[in-house]
Amino acid sequence: MTDILGGVQQIRVRHYEFDKAGAWSERDLDSVRKQVSGASWSRIFNMKDQSETVEVYVQAQGANLGGALILAGEEREFTVVHIQGTMTLAEMKELIDTKAAFNLGGLDILGAMRQSSK
């Protein structure tokens, strides 16, 4: 795992839980989305259904990824993961394949990504 994360400088995770459904809305995330709307950022995954949303953005840095942002939410909780640093696409795939602890607060982010890519 250390080899995979060698170029990663920082990983920030923010998890929010709310007492009732509907405490947050898609509009609440617009300021976060604006931060990754530059030319070097691309949304590579977007899954929304009635009770769940997952978005994944990556920052291109030559042939590598320079960063990633994962937004994942359900009716009563929301998680934001920001990865800063470089990683090759092969390293990202290896990280996903390791099934590392990406079940953040009960949100199986990578599982949702795998399901929608089938």
PDB file of N, CA and C in Angstrom:
ATOM      1  N   MET A   1       0.823  -1.190   0.000  1.00  0.00           N
ATOM      2  CA  MET A   1       0.000   0.000   0.000  1.00  0.00           C
ATOM      3  C   MET A   1       0.866   1.252   0.000  1.00  0.00           C
ATOM      4  N   THR A   2       2.031   1.208   0.660  1.00  0.00           N
ATOM      5  CA  THR A   2       2.905   2.370   0.731  1.00  0.00           C
ATOM      6  C   THR A   2       3.373   2.787  -0.652  1.00  0.00           C
ATOM      7  N   ASP A   3       3.690   1.813  -1.524  1.00  0.00           N
ATOM      8  CA  ASP A   3       4.129   2.129  -2.881  1.00  0.00           C
ATOM      9  C   ASP A   3       3.030   2.849  -3.653  1.00  0.00           C
ATOM     10  N   ILE A   4       1.787   2.435  -3.470  1.00  0.00           N
ATOM     11  CA  ILE A   4       0.667   3.032  -4.182  1.00  0.00           C
ATOM     12  C   ILE A   4       0.500   4.489  -3.777  1.00  0.00           C
ATOM     13  N   LEU A   5       0.670   4.782  -2.506  1.00  0.00           N
ATOM     14  CA  LEU A   5       0.426   6.129  -1.984  1.00  0.00           C
ATOM     15  C   LEU A   5       1.697   6.972  -1.889  1.00  0.00           C
ATOM     16  N   GLY A   6       2.794   6.518  -2.507  1.00  0.00           N
ATOM     17  CA  GLY A   6       4.070   7.218  -2.404  1.00  0.00           C
ATOM     18  C   GLY A   6       4.030   8.670  -2.849  1.00  0.00           C
ATOM     19  N   GLY A   7       3.275   8.973  -3.906  1.00  0.00           N
ATOM     20  CA  GLY A   7       3.200  10.342  -4.410  1.00  0.00           C
ATOM     21  C   GLY A   7       2.107  11.176  -3.787  1.00  0.00           C
ATOM     22  N   VAL A   8       1.308  10.564  -2.925  1.00  0.00           N
ATOM     23  CA  VAL A   8       0.199  11.284  -2.304  1.00  0.00           C
ATOM     24  C   VAL A   8       0.722  12.097  -1.132  1.00  0.00           C
ATOM     25  N   GLN A   9       0.415  13.391  -1.137  1.00  0.00           N
ATOM     26  CA  GLN A   9       0.886  14.286  -0.089  1.00  0.00           C
ATOM     27  C   GLN A   9      -0.109  14.411   1.050  1.00  0.00           C
ATOM     28  N   GLN A  10      -1.396  14.373   0.714  1.00  0.00           N
ATOM     29  CA  GLN A  10      -2.405  14.590   1.748  1.00  0.00           C
ATOM     30  C   GLN A  10      -3.732  13.964   1.336  1.00  0.00           C
ATOM     31  N   ILE A  11      -4.411  13.387   2.306  1.00  0.00           N
ATOM     32  CA  ILE A  11      -5.770  12.890   2.108  1.00  0.00           C
ATOM     33  C   ILE A  11      -6.629  13.514   3.196  1.00  0.00           C
ATOM     34  N   ARG A  12      -7.657  14.241   2.785  1.00  0.00           N
ATOM     35  CA  ARG A  12      -8.576  14.859   3.744  1.00  0.00           C
ATOM     36  C   ARG A  12      -9.946  14.233   3.589  1.00  0.00           C
ATOM     37  N   VAL A  13     -10.515  13.813   4.697  1.00  0.00           N
ATOM     38  CA  VAL A  13     -11.842  13.210   4.706  1.00  0.00           C
ATOM     39  C   VAL A  13     -12.722  14.012   5.653  1.00  0.00           C
ATOM     40  N   ARG A  14     -13.871  14.407   5.152  1.00  0.00           N
ATOM     41  CA  ARG A  14     -14.878  15.091   5.973  1.00  0.00           C
ATOM     42  C   ARG A  14     -16.168  14.296   5.864  1.00  0.00           C
ATOM     43  N   HIS A  15     -16.692  13.907   6.999  1.00  0.00           N
ATOM     44  CA  HIS A  15     -17.934  13.131   7.012  1.00  0.00           C
ATOM     45  C   HIS A  15     -18.939  13.867   7.882  1.00  0.00           C
ATOM     46  N   TYR A  16     -20.120  14.075   7.342  1.00  0.00           N
ATOM     47  CA  TYR A  16     -21.172  14.805   8.050  1.00  0.00           C
ATOM     48  C   TYR A  16     -22.395  13.906   8.188  1.00  0.00           C
ATOM     49  N   GLU A  17     -22.982  13.896   9.369  1.00  0.00           N
ATOM     50  CA  GLU A  17     -24.222  13.161   9.605  1.00  0.00           C
ATOM     51  C   GLU A  17     -25.271  14.133  10.111  1.00  0.00           C
ATOM     52  N   PHE A  18     -26.510  13.920   9.683  1.00  0.00           N
ATOM     53  CA  PHE A  18     -27.598  14.825  10.020  1.00  0.00           C
ATOM     54  C   PHE A  18     -28.719  14.061  10.705  1.00  0.00           C
ATOM     55  N   ASP A  19     -29.472  14.758  11.554  1.00  0.00           N
ATOM     56  CA  ASP A  19     -30.564  14.135  12.303  1.00  0.00           C
ATOM     57  C   ASP A  19     -31.740  13.737  11.425  1.00  0.00           C
ATOM     58  N   LYS A  20     -31.955  14.500  10.340  1.00  0.00           N
ATOM     59  CA  LYS A  20     -33.108  14.177   9.505  1.00  0.00           C
ATOM     60  C   LYS A  20     -32.741  14.243   8.035  1.00  0.00           C
ATOM     61  N   ALA A  21     -33.477  13.514   7.232  1.00  0.00           N
ATOM     62  CA  ALA A  21     -33.271  13.507   5.785  1.00  0.00           C
ATOM     63  C   ALA A  21     -33.574  14.887   5.222  1.00  0.00           C
ATOM     64  N   GLY A  22     -32.861  15.248   4.168  1.00  0.00           N
ATOM     65  CA  GLY A  22     -33.101  16.526   3.522  1.00  0.00           C
ATOM     66  C   GLY A  22     -32.378  17.695   4.163  1.00  0.00           C
ATOM     67  N   ALA A  23     -31.472  17.436   5.094  1.00  0.00           N
ATOM     68  CA  ALA A  23     -30.749  18.516   5.762  1.00  0.00           C
ATOM     69  C   ALA A  23     -29.719  19.163   4.838  1.00  0.00           C
ATOM     70  N   TRP A  24     -29.313  18.485   3.781  1.00  0.00           N
ATOM     71  CA  TRP A  24     -28.394  19.044   2.801  1.00  0.00           C
ATOM     72  C   TRP A  24     -29.025  18.877   1.415  1.00  0.00           C
ATOM     73  N   SER A  25     -28.577  19.705   0.479  1.00  0.00           N
ATOM     74  CA  SER A  25     -29.094  19.614  -0.884  1.00  0.00           C
ATOM     75  C   SER A  25     -27.935  19.675  -1.872  1.00  0.00           C
ATOM     76  N   GLU A  26     -28.209  19.350  -3.109  1.00  0.00           N
ATOM     77  CA  GLU A  26     -27.192  19.400  -4.157  1.00  0.00           C
ATOM     78  C   GLU A  26     -26.601  20.810  -4.275  1.00  0.00           C
ATOM     79  N   ARG A  27     -27.409  21.823  -4.045  1.00  0.00           N
ATOM     80  CA  ARG A  27     -26.926  23.206  -4.138  1.00  0.00           C
ATOM     81  C   ARG A  27     -25.876  23.508  -3.085  1.00  0.00           C
ATOM     82  N   ASP A  28     -25.922  22.817  -1.952  1.00  0.00           N
ATOM     83  CA  ASP A  28     -24.913  23.019  -0.912  1.00  0.00           C
ATOM     84  C   ASP A  28     -23.516  22.641  -1.393  1.00  0.00           C
ATOM     85  N   LEU A  29     -23.432  21.812  -2.415  1.00  0.00           N
ATOM     86  CA  LEU A  29     -22.147  21.323  -2.911  1.00  0.00           C
ATOM     87  C   LEU A  29     -21.597  22.146  -4.062  1.00  0.00           C
ATOM     88  N   ASP A  30     -22.352  23.123  -4.523  1.00  0.00           N
ATOM     89  CA  ASP A  30     -21.917  23.915  -5.672  1.00  0.00           C
ATOM     90  C   ASP A  30     -20.569  24.587  -5.441  1.00  0.00           C
ATOM     91  N   SER A  31     -20.304  25.084  -4.232  1.00  0.00           N
ATOM     92  CA  SER A  31     -19.017  25.737  -3.977  1.00  0.00           C
ATOM     93  C   SER A  31     -17.864  24.741  -4.065  1.00  0.00           C
ATOM     94  N   VAL A  32     -18.102  23.498  -3.653  1.00  0.00           N
ATOM     95  CA  VAL A  32     -17.072  22.460  -3.769  1.00  0.00           C
ATOM     96  C   VAL A  32     -16.853  22.130  -5.236  1.00  0.00           C
ATOM     97  N   ARG A  33     -17.931  21.978  -5.988  1.00  0.00           N
ATOM     98  CA  ARG A  33     -17.820  21.671  -7.417  1.00  0.00           C
ATOM     99  C   ARG A  33     -17.082  22.778  -8.168  1.00  0.00           C
ATOM    100  N   LYS A  34     -17.294  24.028  -7.799  1.00  0.00           N
ATOM    101  CA  LYS A  34     -16.616  25.143  -8.468  1.00  0.00           C
ATOM    102  C   LYS A  34     -15.108  25.056  -8.298  1.00  0.00           C
ATOM    103  N   GLN A  35     -14.651  24.497  -7.188  1.00  0.00           N
ATOM    104  CA  GLN A  35     -13.214  24.371  -6.942  1.00  0.00           C
ATOM    105  C   GLN A  35     -12.552  23.378  -7.897  1.00  0.00           C
ATOM    106  N   VAL A  36     -13.340  22.484  -8.473  1.00  0.00           N
ATOM    107  CA  VAL A  36     -12.789  21.489  -9.396  1.00  0.00           C
ATOM    108  C   VAL A  36     -13.343  21.690 -10.815  1.00  0.00           C
ATOM    109  N   SER A  37     -13.698  22.929 -11.136  1.00  0.00           N
ATOM    110  CA  SER A  37     -14.255  23.198 -12.460  1.00  0.00           C
ATOM    111  C   SER A  37     -13.209  23.731 -13.430  1.00  0.00           C
ATOM    112  N   GLY A  38     -11.938  23.804 -13.006  1.00  0.00           N
ATOM    113  CA  GLY A  38     -10.871  24.312 -13.870  1.00  0.00           C
ATOM    114  C   GLY A  38     -10.542  23.362 -15.001  1.00  0.00           C
ATOM    115  N   ALA A  39      -9.714  23.837 -15.890  1.00  0.00           N
ATOM    116  CA  ALA A  39      -9.374  23.081 -17.100  1.00  0.00           C
ATOM    117  C   ALA A  39      -8.678  21.755 -16.808  1.00  0.00           C
ATOM    118  N   SER A  40      -7.938  21.670 -15.705  1.00  0.00           N
ATOM    119  CA  SER A  40      -7.200  20.430 -15.432  1.00  0.00           C
ATOM    120  C   SER A  40      -8.046  19.378 -14.705  1.00  0.00           C
ATOM    121  N   TRP A  41      -9.260  19.748 -14.245  1.00  0.00           N
ATOM    122  CA  TRP A  41     -10.122  18.814 -13.520  1.00  0.00           C
ATOM    123  C   TRP A  41     -11.196  18.255 -14.442  1.00  0.00           C
ATOM    124  N   SER A  42     -11.522  16.971 -14.258  1.00  0.00           N
ATOM    125  CA  SER A  42     -12.593  16.325 -15.017  1.00  0.00           C
ATOM    126  C   SER A  42     -13.427  15.456 -14.089  1.00  0.00           C
ATOM    127  N   ARG A  43     -14.732  15.478 -14.301  1.00  0.00           N
ATOM    128  CA  ARG A  43     -15.593  14.546 -13.565  1.00  0.00           C
ATOM    129  C   ARG A  43     -15.567  13.236 -14.345  1.00  0.00           C
ATOM    130  N   ILE A  44     -15.132  12.170 -13.666  1.00  0.00           N
ATOM    131  CA  ILE A  44     -15.015  10.880 -14.340  1.00  0.00           C
ATOM    132  C   ILE A  44     -16.110   9.907 -13.930  1.00  0.00           C
ATOM    133  N   PHE A  45     -16.865  10.267 -12.899  1.00  0.00           N
ATOM    134  CA  PHE A  45     -17.922   9.382 -12.424  1.00  0.00           C
ATOM    135  C   PHE A  45     -19.022  10.218 -11.801  1.00  0.00           C
ATOM    136  N   ASN A  46     -20.264   9.879 -12.146  1.00  0.00           N
ATOM    137  CA  ASN A  46     -21.412  10.588 -11.591  1.00  0.00           C
ATOM    138  C   ASN A  46     -22.568   9.598 -11.498  1.00  0.00           C
ATOM    139  N   MET A  47     -23.003   9.298 -10.285  1.00  0.00           N
ATOM    140  CA  MET A  47     -24.109   8.380 -10.076  1.00  0.00           C
ATOM    141  C   MET A  47     -25.087   9.033  -9.116  1.00  0.00           C
ATOM    142  N   LYS A  48     -26.315   9.156  -9.556  1.00  0.00           N
ATOM    143  CA  LYS A  48     -27.354   9.711  -8.698  1.00  0.00           C
ATOM    144  C   LYS A  48     -28.596   8.848  -8.822  1.00  0.00           C
ATOM    145  N   ASP A  49     -29.197   8.574  -7.679  1.00  0.00           N
ATOM    146  CA  ASP A  49     -30.511   7.938  -7.686  1.00  0.00           C
ATOM    147  C   ASP A  49     -31.349   8.644  -6.632  1.00  0.00           C
ATOM    148  N   GLN A  50     -32.453   8.082  -6.260  1.00  0.00           N
ATOM    149  CA  GLN A  50     -33.365   8.766  -5.347  1.00  0.00           C
ATOM    150  C   GLN A  50     -32.754   9.096  -3.995  1.00  0.00           C
ATOM    151  N   SER A  51     -31.899   8.229  -3.483  1.00  0.00           N
ATOM    152  CA  SER A  51     -31.401   8.445  -2.120  1.00  0.00           C
ATOM    153  C   SER A  51     -29.882   8.514  -2.014  1.00  0.00           C
ATOM    154  N   GLU A  52     -29.183   8.442  -3.136  1.00  0.00           N
ATOM    155  CA  GLU A  52     -27.732   8.363  -3.071  1.00  0.00           C
ATOM    156  C   GLU A  52     -27.100   9.157  -4.217  1.00  0.00           C
ATOM    157  N   THR A  53     -25.942   9.746  -3.950  1.00  0.00           N
ATOM    158  CA  THR A  53     -25.194  10.445  -4.987  1.00  0.00           C
ATOM    159  C   THR A  53     -23.706  10.205  -4.777  1.00  0.00           C
ATOM    160  N   VAL A  54     -22.985   9.978  -5.874  1.00  0.00           N
ATOM    161  CA  VAL A  54     -21.537   9.822  -5.825  1.00  0.00           C
ATOM    162  C   VAL A  54     -20.965  10.535  -7.054  1.00  0.00           C
ATOM    163  N   GLU A  55     -19.968  11.387  -6.830  1.00  0.00           N
ATOM    164  CA  GLU A  55     -19.267  12.068  -7.908  1.00  0.00           C
ATOM    165  C   GLU A  55     -17.781  11.925  -7.658  1.00  0.00           C
ATOM    166  N   VAL A  56     -17.012  11.664  -8.730  1.00  0.00           N
ATOM    167  CA  VAL A  56     -15.562  11.557  -8.619  1.00  0.00           C
ATOM    168  C   VAL A  56     -14.941  12.485  -9.661  1.00  0.00           C
ATOM    169  N   TYR A  57     -14.054  13.344  -9.198  1.00  0.00           N
ATOM    170  CA  TYR A  57     -13.322  14.271 -10.055  1.00  0.00           C
ATOM    171  C   TYR A  57     -11.835  13.951  -9.940  1.00  0.00           C
ATOM    172  N   VAL A  58     -11.098  14.077 -11.049  1.00  0.00           N
ATOM    173  CA  VAL A  58      -9.650  13.898 -11.020  1.00  0.00           C
ATOM    174  C   VAL A  58      -8.984  15.089 -11.689  1.00  0.00           C
ATOM    175  N   GLN A  59      -7.776  15.374 -11.258  1.00  0.00           N
ATOM    176  CA  GLN A  59      -6.990  16.459 -11.823  1.00  0.00           C
ATOM    177  C   GLN A  59      -5.860  15.858 -12.639  1.00  0.00           C
ATOM    178  N   ALA A  60      -5.821  16.194 -13.922  1.00  0.00           N
ATOM    179  CA  ALA A  60      -4.766  15.687 -14.799  1.00  0.00           C
ATOM    180  C   ALA A  60      -3.478  16.446 -14.547  1.00  0.00           C
ATOM    181  N   GLN A  61      -2.380  15.703 -14.518  1.00  0.00           N
ATOM    182  CA  GLN A  61      -1.052  16.290 -14.368  1.00  0.00           C
ATOM    183  C   GLN A  61      -0.120  15.497 -15.282  1.00  0.00           C
ATOM    184  N   GLY A  62      -0.122  15.871 -16.539  1.00  0.00           N
ATOM    185  CA  GLY A  62       0.595  15.087 -17.537  1.00  0.00           C
ATOM    186  C   GLY A  62      -0.089  13.744 -17.693  1.00  0.00           C
ATOM    187  N   ALA A  63       0.682  12.666 -17.610  1.00  0.00           N
ATOM    188  CA  ALA A  63       0.122  11.315 -17.726  1.00  0.00           C
ATOM    189  C   ALA A  63      -0.379  10.789 -16.385  1.00  0.00           C
ATOM    190  N   ASN A  64      -0.225  11.576 -15.332  1.00  0.00           N
ATOM    191  CA  ASN A  64      -0.615  11.152 -13.991  1.00  0.00           C
ATOM    192  C   ASN A  64      -1.835  11.912 -13.500  1.00  0.00           C
ATOM    193  N   LEU A  65      -2.346  11.472 -12.377  1.00  0.00           N
ATOM    194  CA  LEU A  65      -3.389  12.207 -11.674  1.00  0.00           C
ATOM    195  C   LEU A  65      -2.699  13.096 -10.648  1.00  0.00           C
ATOM    196  N   GLY A  66      -3.093  14.352 -10.581  1.00  0.00           N
ATOM    197  CA  GLY A  66      -2.508  15.281  -9.628  1.00  0.00           C
ATOM    198  C   GLY A  66      -3.350  15.432  -8.379  1.00  0.00           C
ATOM    199  N   GLY A  67      -4.550  14.850  -8.400  1.00  0.00           N
ATOM    200  CA  GLY A  67      -5.440  14.929  -7.256  1.00  0.00           C
ATOM    201  C   GLY A  67      -6.773  14.297  -7.598  1.00  0.00           C
ATOM    202  N   ALA A  68      -7.582  14.103  -6.586  1.00  0.00           N
ATOM    203  CA  ALA A  68      -8.909  13.530  -6.777  1.00  0.00           C
ATOM    204  C   ALA A  68      -9.843  14.088  -5.714  1.00  0.00           C
ATOM    205  N   LEU A  69     -11.106  14.178  -6.073  1.00  0.00           N
ATOM    206  CA  LEU A  69     -12.144  14.617  -5.144  1.00  0.00           C
ATOM    207  C   LEU A  69     -13.311  13.662  -5.279  1.00  0.00           C
ATOM    208  N   ILE A  70     -13.767  13.123  -4.154  1.00  0.00           N
ATOM    209  CA  ILE A  70     -14.903  12.208  -4.132  1.00  0.00           C
ATOM    210  C   ILE A  70     -15.984  12.825  -3.258  1.00  0.00           C
ATOM    211  N   LEU A  71     -17.180  12.963  -3.809  1.00  0.00           N
ATOM    212  CA  LEU A  71     -18.348  13.440  -3.079  1.00  0.00           C
ATOM    213  C   LEU A  71     -19.336  12.288  -3.019  1.00  0.00           C
ATOM    214  N   ALA A  72     -19.754  11.912  -1.835  1.00  0.00           N
ATOM    215  CA  ALA A  72     -20.687  10.797  -1.695  1.00  0.00           C
ATOM    216  C   ALA A  72     -21.716  11.135  -0.623  1.00  0.00           C
ATOM    217  N   GLY A  73     -22.972  10.984  -0.965  1.00  0.00           N
ATOM    218  CA  GLY A  73     -23.993  11.333   0.003  1.00  0.00           C
ATOM    219  C   GLY A  73     -25.216  10.445  -0.055  1.00  0.00           C
ATOM    220  N   GLU A  74     -25.865  10.373   1.074  1.00  0.00           N
ATOM    221  CA  GLU A  74     -27.163   9.733   1.215  1.00  0.00           C
ATOM    222  C   GLU A  74     -28.070  10.748   1.889  1.00  0.00           C
ATOM    223  N   GLU A  75     -29.285  10.370   2.173  1.00  0.00           N
ATOM    224  CA  GLU A  75     -30.264  11.318   2.703  1.00  0.00           C
ATOM    225  C   GLU A  75     -29.825  11.990   4.000  1.00  0.00           C
ATOM    226  N   ARG A  76     -29.153  11.259   4.886  1.00  0.00           N
ATOM    227  CA  ARG A  76     -28.805  11.808   6.202  1.00  0.00           C
ATOM    228  C   ARG A  76     -27.310  11.922   6.449  1.00  0.00           C
ATOM    229  N   GLU A  77     -26.489  11.748   5.415  1.00  0.00           N
ATOM    230  CA  GLU A  77     -25.052  11.868   5.611  1.00  0.00           C
ATOM    231  C   GLU A  77     -24.364  12.235   4.308  1.00  0.00           C
ATOM    232  N   PHE A  78     -23.171  12.796   4.481  1.00  0.00           N
ATOM    233  CA  PHE A  78     -22.401  13.202   3.318  1.00  0.00           C
ATOM    234  C   PHE A  78     -20.918  13.086   3.631  1.00  0.00           C
ATOM    235  N   THR A  79     -20.121  12.649   2.642  1.00  0.00           N
ATOM    236  CA  THR A  79     -18.682  12.502   2.812  1.00  0.00           C
ATOM    237  C   THR A  79     -17.962  13.168   1.651  1.00  0.00           C
ATOM    238  N   VAL A  80     -16.897  13.906   1.977  1.00  0.00           N
ATOM    239  CA  VAL A  80     -16.033  14.529   0.977  1.00  0.00           C
ATOM    240  C   VAL A  80     -14.622  14.003   1.217  1.00  0.00           C
ATOM    241  N   VAL A  81     -14.002  13.453   0.162  1.00  0.00           N
ATOM    242  CA  VAL A  81     -12.621  12.969   0.247  1.00  0.00           C
ATOM    243  C   VAL A  81     -11.806  13.739  -0.780  1.00  0.00           C
ATOM    244  N   HIS A  82     -10.740  14.387  -0.330  1.00  0.00           N
ATOM    245  CA  HIS A  82      -9.851  15.111  -1.235  1.00  0.00           C
ATOM    246  C   HIS A  82      -8.461  14.506  -1.130  1.00  0.00           C
ATOM    247  N   ILE A  83      -7.932  14.041  -2.260  1.00  0.00           N
ATOM    248  CA  ILE A  83      -6.593  13.456  -2.310  1.00  0.00           C
ATOM    249  C   ILE A  83      -5.708  14.427  -3.074  1.00  0.00           C
ATOM    250  N   GLN A  84      -4.601  14.821  -2.466  1.00  0.00           N
ATOM    251  CA  GLN A  84      -3.674  15.759  -3.082  1.00  0.00           C
ATOM    252  C   GLN A  84      -2.345  15.051  -3.278  1.00  0.00           C
ATOM    253  N   GLY A  85      -1.825  15.084  -4.491  1.00  0.00           N
ATOM    254  CA  GLY A  85      -0.559  14.432  -4.809  1.00  0.00           C
ATOM    255  C   GLY A  85      -0.689  13.657  -6.097  1.00  0.00           C
ATOM    256  N   THR A  86       0.405  13.093  -6.546  1.00  0.00           N
ATOM    257  CA  THR A  86       0.405  12.419  -7.837  1.00  0.00           C
ATOM    258  C   THR A  86       0.237  10.915  -7.693  1.00  0.00           C
ATOM    259  N   MET A  87      -0.417  10.356  -8.711  1.00  0.00           N
ATOM    260  CA  MET A  87      -0.681   8.923  -8.759  1.00  0.00           C
ATOM    261  C   MET A  87      -0.912   8.562 -10.228  1.00  0.00           C
ATOM    262  N   THR A  88      -0.348   7.458 -10.669  1.00  0.00           N
ATOM    263  CA  THR A  88      -0.611   7.017 -12.038  1.00  0.00           C
ATOM    264  C   THR A  88      -1.982   6.346 -12.090  1.00  0.00           C
ATOM    265  N   LEU A  89      -2.497   6.207 -13.289  1.00  0.00           N
ATOM    266  CA  LEU A  89      -3.774   5.503 -13.427  1.00  0.00           C
ATOM    267  C   LEU A  89      -3.651   4.056 -12.960  1.00  0.00           C
ATOM    268  N   ALA A  90      -2.496   3.431 -13.213  1.00  0.00           N
ATOM    269  CA  ALA A  90      -2.276   2.054 -12.761  1.00  0.00           C
ATOM    270  C   ALA A  90      -2.301   1.977 -11.234  1.00  0.00           C
ATOM    271  N   GLU A  91      -1.720   2.978 -10.561  1.00  0.00           N
ATOM    272  CA  GLU A  91      -1.738   2.999  -9.095  1.00  0.00           C
ATOM    273  C   GLU A  91      -3.157   3.212  -8.575  1.00  0.00           C
ATOM    274  N   MET A  92      -3.928   4.074  -9.250  1.00  0.00           N
ATOM    275  CA  MET A  92      -5.323   4.282  -8.850  1.00  0.00           C
ATOM    276  C   MET A  92      -6.104   2.984  -8.985  1.00  0.00           C
ATOM    277  N   LYS A  93      -5.900   2.274 -10.102  1.00  0.00           N
ATOM    278  CA  LYS A  93      -6.592   0.992 -10.296  1.00  0.00           C
ATOM    279  C   LYS A  93      -6.168  -0.006  -9.221  1.00  0.00           C
ATOM    280  N   GLU A  94      -4.884  -0.060  -8.912  1.00  0.00           N
ATOM    281  CA  GLU A  94      -4.406  -0.978  -7.871  1.00  0.00           C
ATOM    282  C   GLU A  94      -5.025  -0.645  -6.519  1.00  0.00           C
ATOM    283  N   LEU A  95      -5.135   0.654  -6.208  1.00  0.00           N
ATOM    284  CA  LEU A  95      -5.753   1.072  -4.960  1.00  0.00           C
ATOM    285  C   LEU A  95      -7.207   0.624  -4.907  1.00  0.00           C
ATOM    286  N   ILE A  96      -7.926   0.806  -6.001  1.00  0.00           N
ATOM    287  CA  ILE A  96      -9.328   0.383  -6.061  1.00  0.00           C
ATOM    288  C   ILE A  96      -9.431  -1.132  -5.915  1.00  0.00           C
ATOM    289  N   ASP A  97      -8.539  -1.844  -6.589  1.00  0.00           N
ATOM    290  CA  ASP A  97      -8.571  -3.309  -6.537  1.00  0.00           C
ATOM    291  C   ASP A  97      -8.210  -3.866  -5.164  1.00  0.00           C
ATOM    292  N   THR A  98      -7.485  -3.108  -4.335  1.00  0.00           N
ATOM    293  CA  THR A  98      -7.127  -3.594  -3.006  1.00  0.00           C
ATOM    294  C   THR A  98      -8.319  -3.599  -2.064  1.00  0.00           C
ATOM    295  N   LYS A  99      -9.395  -2.933  -2.474  1.00  0.00           N
ATOM    296  CA  LYS A  99     -10.585  -2.806  -1.629  1.00  0.00           C
ATOM    297  C   LYS A  99     -10.207  -2.185  -0.291  1.00  0.00           C
ATOM    298  N   ALA A 100      -9.301  -1.216  -0.354  1.00  0.00           N
ATOM    299  CA  ALA A 100      -8.875  -0.501   0.852  1.00  0.00           C
ATOM    300  C   ALA A 100     -10.086   0.121   1.523  1.00  0.00           C
ATOM    301  N   ALA A 101      -9.905   0.620   2.718  1.00  0.00           N
ATOM    302  CA  ALA A 101     -11.012   1.079   3.562  1.00  0.00           C
ATOM    303  C   ALA A 101     -11.703   2.307   2.981  1.00  0.00           C
ATOM    304  N   PHE A 102     -12.464   2.103   1.921  1.00  0.00           N
ATOM    305  CA  PHE A 102     -13.211   3.194   1.319  1.00  0.00           C
ATOM    306  C   PHE A 102     -14.686   3.086   1.655  1.00  0.00           C
ATOM    307  N   ASN A 103     -14.998   2.361   2.697  1.00  0.00           N
ATOM    308  CA  ASN A 103     -16.379   2.313   3.169  1.00  0.00           C
ATOM    309  C   ASN A 103     -16.496   3.390   4.238  1.00  0.00           C
ATOM    310  N   LEU A 104     -16.576   4.626   3.779  1.00  0.00           N
ATOM    311  CA  LEU A 104     -16.525   5.774   4.671  1.00  0.00           C
ATOM    312  C   LEU A 104     -17.888   6.046   5.253  1.00  0.00           C
ATOM    313  N   GLY A 105     -18.024   5.815   6.535  1.00  0.00           N
ATOM    314  CA  GLY A 105     -19.293   6.080   7.193  1.00  0.00           C
ATOM    315  C   GLY A 105     -20.436   5.282   6.604  1.00  0.00           C
ATOM    316  N   GLY A 106     -20.139   4.088   6.115  1.00  0.00           N
ATOM    317  CA  GLY A 106     -21.184   3.253   5.524  1.00  0.00           C
ATOM    318  C   GLY A 106     -21.405   3.509   4.052  1.00  0.00           C
ATOM    319  N   LEU A 107     -20.685   4.457   3.445  1.00  0.00           N
ATOM    320  CA  LEU A 107     -20.827   4.740   2.023  1.00  0.00           C
ATOM    321  C   LEU A 107     -19.754   3.968   1.272  1.00  0.00           C
ATOM    322  N   ASP A 108     -20.131   2.947   0.561  1.00  0.00           N
ATOM    323  CA  ASP A 108     -19.185   2.136  -0.182  1.00  0.00           C
ATOM    324  C   ASP A 108     -18.931   2.814  -1.524  1.00  0.00           C
ATOM    325  N   ILE A 109     -18.068   3.824  -1.527  1.00  0.00           N
ATOM    326  CA  ILE A 109     -17.825   4.653  -2.702  1.00  0.00           C
ATOM    327  C   ILE A 109     -17.285   3.826  -3.857  1.00  0.00           C
ATOM    328  N   LEU A 110     -16.226   3.063  -3.608  1.00  0.00           N
ATOM    329  CA  LEU A 110     -15.636   2.295  -4.695  1.00  0.00           C
ATOM    330  C   LEU A 110     -16.558   1.176  -5.145  1.00  0.00           C
ATOM    331  N   GLY A 111     -17.336   0.619  -4.235  1.00  0.00           N
ATOM    332  CA  GLY A 111     -18.317  -0.398  -4.620  1.00  0.00           C
ATOM    333  C   GLY A 111     -19.338   0.170  -5.575  1.00  0.00           C
ATOM    334  N   ALA A 112     -19.799   1.374  -5.312  1.00  0.00           N
ATOM    335  CA  ALA A 112     -20.753   2.036  -6.211  1.00  0.00           C
ATOM    336  C   ALA A 112     -20.117   2.279  -7.565  1.00  0.00           C
ATOM    337  N   MET A 113     -18.829   2.645  -7.576  1.00  0.00           N
ATOM    338  CA  MET A 113     -18.140   2.872  -8.839  1.00  0.00           C
ATOM    339  C   MET A 113     -18.017   1.575  -9.621  1.00  0.00           C
ATOM    340  N   ARG A 114     -17.681   0.489  -8.935  1.00  0.00           N
ATOM    341  CA  ARG A 114     -17.540  -0.805  -9.622  1.00  0.00           C
ATOM    342  C   ARG A 114     -18.884  -1.260 -10.200  1.00  0.00           C
ATOM    343  N   GLN A 115     -19.960  -1.094  -9.423  1.00  0.00           N
ATOM    344  CA  GLN A 115     -21.290  -1.536  -9.874  1.00  0.00           C
ATOM    345  C   GLN A 115     -21.736  -0.791 -11.121  1.00  0.00           C
ATOM    346  N   SER A 116     -21.515   0.510 -11.173  1.00  0.00           N
ATOM    347  CA  SER A 116     -21.998   1.286 -12.311  1.00  0.00           C
ATOM    348  C   SER A 116     -21.135   1.094 -13.551  1.00  0.00           C
ATOM    349  N   SER A 117     -19.903   0.583 -13.388  1.00  0.00           N
ATOM    350  CA  SER A 117     -19.045   0.380 -14.549  1.00  0.00           C
ATOM    351  C   SER A 117     -19.247  -0.980 -15.195  1.00  0.00           C
ATOM    352  N   LYS A 118     -20.091  -1.823 -14.592  1.00  0.00           N
ATOM    353  CA  LYS A 118     -20.355  -3.165 -15.148  1.00  0.00           C
ATOM    354  C   LYS A 118     -21.399  -3.112 -16.223  1.00  0.00           C
TER     355      LYS A 118
END
